[in-house]
C-alpha atoms as a PDB file:
ATOM      1  CA  GLY A   1     -31.906   2.586  59.921  1.00  0.00           C
ATOM      2  CA  ALA A   2     -33.723   2.417  63.361  1.00  0.00           C
ATOM      3  CA  SER A   3     -37.257   2.307  61.669  1.00  0.00           C
ATOM      4  CA  GLN A   4     -36.322  -0.794  59.652  1.00  0.00           C
ATOM      5  CA  GLU A   5     -34.231  -2.623  62.481  1.00  0.00           C
ATOM      6  CA  PHE A   6     -37.981  -1.734  64.632  1.00  0.00           C
ATOM      7  CA  PHE A   7     -39.467  -3.800  61.842  1.00  0.00           C
ATOM      8  CA  LYS A   8     -37.484  -6.015  60.888  1.00  0.00           C
ATOM      9  CA  GLY A   9     -36.526  -7.085  65.304  1.00  0.00           C
ATOM     10  CA  TRP A  10     -40.390  -8.497  66.025  1.00  0.00           C
ATOM     11  CA  THR A  11     -39.373 -12.698  66.467  1.00  0.00           C
ATOM     12  CA  TYR A  12     -40.692 -15.788  68.481  1.00  0.00           C
ATOM     13  CA  GLN A  13     -39.051 -18.034  70.878  1.00  0.00           C
ATOM     14  CA  PRO A  14     -42.197 -20.985  71.775  1.00  0.00           C
ATOM     15  CA  ASP A  15     -41.462 -22.765  74.514  1.00  0.00           C
ATOM     16  CA  SER A  16     -42.798 -26.163  75.560  1.00  0.00           C
ATOM     17  CA  GLY A  17     -42.818 -28.345  78.716  1.00  0.00           C
ATOM     18  CA  ALA A  18     -44.786 -31.481  79.045  1.00  0.00           C
ATOM     19  CA  LEU A  19     -48.429 -30.046  79.738  1.00  0.00           C
ATOM     20  CA  SER A  20     -47.527 -25.973  78.872  1.00  0.00           C
ATOM     21  CA  VAL A  21     -46.956 -25.041  74.616  1.00  0.00           C
ATOM     22  CA  THR A  22     -45.666 -20.800  75.437  1.00  0.00           C
ATOM     23  CA  GLY A  23     -44.430 -17.971  73.224  1.00  0.00           C
ATOM     24  CA  ARG A  24     -42.513 -14.495  73.296  1.00  0.00           C
ATOM     25  CA  VAL A  25     -43.318 -12.131  70.846  1.00  0.00           C
ATOM     26  CA  VAL A  26     -40.232  -9.930  71.314  1.00  0.00           C
ATOM     27  CA  ASN A  27     -38.936  -7.023  69.566  1.00  0.00           C
ATOM     28  CA  THR A  28     -34.509  -6.834  69.480  1.00  0.00           C
ATOM     29  CA  ALA A  29     -34.733  -3.481  68.610  1.00  0.00           C
ATOM     30  CA  GLY A  30     -33.721  -1.896  71.933  1.00  0.00           C
ATOM     31  CA  TYR A  31     -35.984   1.056  72.257  1.00  0.00           C
ATOM     32  CA  ALA A  32     -39.324  -1.392  70.536  1.00  0.00           C
ATOM     33  CA  ALA A  33     -40.354  -0.698  74.747  1.00  0.00           C
ATOM     34  CA  VAL A  34     -40.797   2.721  73.884  1.00  0.00           C
ATOM     35  CA  VAL A  35     -42.219   2.722  70.494  1.00  0.00           C
ATOM     36  CA  GLU A  36     -44.542  -0.051  71.170  1.00  0.00           C
ATOM     37  CA  ARG A  37     -45.446   0.808  74.789  1.00  0.00           C
ATOM     38  CA  GLY A  38     -44.993   5.376  74.381  1.00  0.00           C
ATOM     39  CA  ARG A  39     -42.362   7.002  76.734  1.00  0.00           C
ATOM     40  CA  GLY A  40     -44.510   9.034  80.066  1.00  0.00           C
ATOM     41  CA  ALA A  41     -44.254  12.941  80.470  1.00  0.00           C
ATOM     42  CA  GLY A  42     -41.477  14.448  83.459  1.00  0.00           C
ATOM     43  CA  LYS A  43     -38.819  11.493  82.075  1.00  0.00           C
ATOM     44  CA  PRO A  44     -35.523  12.913  81.576  1.00  0.00           C
ATOM     45  CA  MET A  45     -34.956  13.521  77.836  1.00  0.00           C
ATOM     46  CA  PRO A  46     -34.071  10.513  75.840  1.00  0.00           C
ATOM     47  CA  PRO A  47     -30.793  10.041  75.114  1.00  0.00           C
ATOM     48  CA  HIS A  48     -28.774  11.339  71.999  1.00  0.00           C
ATOM     49  CA  ASN A  49     -27.836   8.203  69.864  1.00  0.00           C
ATOM     50  CA  SER A  50     -27.176   6.965  66.776  1.00  0.00           C
ATOM     51  CA  ALA A  51     -30.690   5.651  66.142  1.00  0.00           C
ATOM     52  CA  PHE A  52     -32.607   8.996  67.415  1.00  0.00           C
ATOM     53  CA  GLU A  53     -29.810  10.441  64.341  1.00  0.00           C
ATOM     54  CA  GLU A  54     -31.457   7.830  61.979  1.00  0.00           C
ATOM     55  CA  TRP A  55     -35.358   8.419  63.618  1.00  0.00           C
ATOM     56  CA  LEU A  56     -34.114  12.492  63.437  1.00  0.00           C
ATOM     57  CA  ASN A  57     -32.858  11.555  58.974  1.00  0.00           C
ATOM     58  CA  PHE A  58     -35.451   9.008  57.863  1.00  0.00           C
ATOM     59  CA  LYS A  59     -38.052  11.775  58.899  1.00  0.00           C
ATOM     60  CA  GLY A  60     -36.075  14.117  57.069  1.00  0.00           C
ATOM     61  CA  ILE A  61     -35.134  16.636  60.243  1.00  0.00           C
ATOM     62  CA  PRO A  62     -32.064  17.991  60.360  1.00  0.00           C
ATOM     63  CA  LEU A  63     -29.694  17.452  63.758  1.00  0.00           C
ATOM     64  CA  GLU A  64     -29.630  20.267  65.017  1.00  0.00           C
ATOM     65  CA  ALA A  65     -33.800  19.987  66.230  1.00  0.00           C
ATOM     66  CA  SER A  66     -32.548  17.109  68.511  1.00  0.00           C
ATOM     67  CA  TYR A  67     -32.125  18.828  71.362  1.00  0.00           C
ATOM     68  CA  VAL A  68     -35.811  19.934  71.794  1.00  0.00           C
ATOM     69  CA  ILE A  69     -37.217  17.061  70.189  1.00  0.00           C
ATOM     70  CA  ARG A  70     -35.392  14.770  72.462  1.00  0.00           C
ATOM     71  CA  ARG A  71     -36.178  18.131  75.413  1.00  0.00           C
ATOM     72  CA  SER A  72     -39.936  17.915  74.092  1.00  0.00           C
ATOM     73  CA  ILE A  73     -40.391  14.143  74.415  1.00  0.00           C
ATOM     74  CA  GLY A  74     -39.085  14.232  78.253  1.00  0.00           C
ATOM     75  CA  ARG A  75     -41.259  16.944  78.953  1.00  0.00           C
ATOM     76  CA  ASP A  76     -44.432  15.330  77.253  1.00  0.00           C
ATOM     77  CA  GLY A  77     -43.626  11.610  76.701  1.00  0.00           C
ATOM     78  CA  ILE A  78     -44.699  10.348  73.592  1.00  0.00           C
ATOM     79  CA  PRO A  79     -48.371   7.583  72.775  1.00  0.00           C
ATOM     80  CA  GLY A  80     -47.543   3.838  72.042  1.00  0.00           C
ATOM     81  CA  LEU A  81     -48.227   2.822  68.139  1.00  0.00           C
ATOM     82  CA  HIS A  82     -49.106  -0.748  70.547  1.00  0.00           C
ATOM     83  CA  ILE A  83     -48.460  -2.482  67.640  1.00  0.00           C
ATOM     84  CA  LEU A  84     -48.741  -5.833  69.004  1.00  0.00           C
ATOM     85  CA  ASP A  85     -52.195  -5.315  70.503  1.00  0.00           C
ATOM     86  CA  ALA A  86     -53.395  -4.265  67.049  1.00  0.00           C
ATOM     87  CA  LEU A  87     -51.716  -7.569  65.437  1.00  0.00           C
ATOM     88  CA  VAL A  88     -53.544  -9.761  68.310  1.00  0.00           C
ATOM     89  CA  ASP A  89     -56.266  -8.443  68.461  1.00  0.00           C
ATOM     90  CA  GLN A  90     -56.796  -8.384  64.289  1.00  0.00           C
ATOM     91  CA  HIS A  91     -55.249 -12.443  64.517  1.00  0.00           C
ATOM     92  CA  ARG A  92     -56.713 -13.151  67.562  1.00  0.00           C
ATOM     93  CA  GLU A  93     -59.423 -15.225  65.952  1.00  0.00           C
ATOM     94  CA  ALA A  94     -56.475 -17.214  63.711  1.00  0.00           C
ATOM     95  CA  VAL A  95     -53.954 -17.673  66.646  1.00  0.00           C
ATOM     96  CA  PHE A  96     -56.947 -19.302  68.193  1.00  0.00           C
ATOM     97  CA  VAL A  97     -57.025 -22.294  65.505  1.00  0.00           C
ATOM     98  CA  ILE A  98     -54.027 -22.724  65.192  1.00  0.00           C
ATOM     99  CA  LEU A  99     -53.821 -23.249  69.189  1.00  0.00           C
ATOM    100  CA  GLU A 100     -56.581 -25.789  68.792  1.00  0.00           C
ATOM    101  CA  ARG A 101     -55.304 -27.808  65.835  1.00  0.00           C
ATOM    102  CA  TYR A 102     -51.855 -28.053  67.696  1.00  0.00           C
ATOM    103  CA  LEU A 103     -53.068 -28.519  70.698  1.00  0.00           C
ATOM    104  CA  GLY A 104     -55.614 -31.042  69.233  1.00  0.00           C
ATOM    105  CA  ASP A 105     -53.383 -33.010  67.515  1.00  0.00           C
ATOM    106  CA  ALA A 106     -50.929 -32.784  71.081  1.00  0.00           C
ATOM    107  CA  ILE A 107     -53.557 -34.570  72.851  1.00  0.00           C
ATOM    108  CA  ASP A 108     -54.877 -36.742  70.173  1.00  0.00           C
ATOM    109  CA  ARG A 109     -51.086 -38.359  70.738  1.00  0.00           C
ATOM    110  CA  VAL A 110     -50.867 -38.497  74.252  1.00  0.00           C
ATOM    111  CA  TRP A 111     -54.413 -40.487  74.835  1.00  0.00           C
ATOM    112  CA  ARG A 112     -52.980 -43.308  71.457  1.00  0.00           C
ATOM    113  CA  ALA A 113     -49.642 -43.708  73.857  1.00  0.00           C
ATOM    114  CA  ALA A 114     -51.781 -43.956  76.534  1.00  0.00           C
END
């Protein structure tokens, strides 16, 4: 369903160049940005689509409530879950340890090759 698509949609895209190593964490679910960052108030109401219907079903909300909920989301907005921010904050130290180990090995290889 829609919620599973979001939670299974997280992936990373590494990219390394001659002098840099970067990567992006992305979510392939089409609505991931709204779940992550939220939606501001005063915008058009979201579309009634299959992902929205799956969310209603997942939450046990009857489809007849779709219009009222979408209107409320458009008028009042919704807060983001900020899952990525929480994960980065929670695992920041581990990421730095991994990067330091990887970059240290890479620097050692460059020095040995010179």
